[in-house]
Amino acid sequence: MPSFDTVCDANMVEVKNAVENTAKEIATRFDFKGTPAAIELKDKEMTLIGDADFQLSQIEDILRKKSSACSRTASSKYRPPFKTKKCA
């Protein structure tokens, strides 16, 4: 009986593109002005930075929209792991 392994790896070029687009949107949004809201990508780890849970959830929503818009080949069920950091 044949066997096979299934691997679900993110396309890091697409992830980097989504993070950069999210960072651009954070920089231009009025509700993030004057706050430390940001997103960082180091190696394969994303960090969302914000003052409050509301900001972190907004950044997460932006990232999910940008990642689904960028990736035409990835499954919509794949969600990259990330850490959140509250600055307050």
Foldseek 3Di string as FASTA:
>chain_A
DDDDDDDADDDVVLLVQLQVVLQVVLVPDPVNPPWPFHWDQDDQEIETEGADPVSSVVSVVSSLVSSVVSDPPHDNPDDRDYYYDHDD
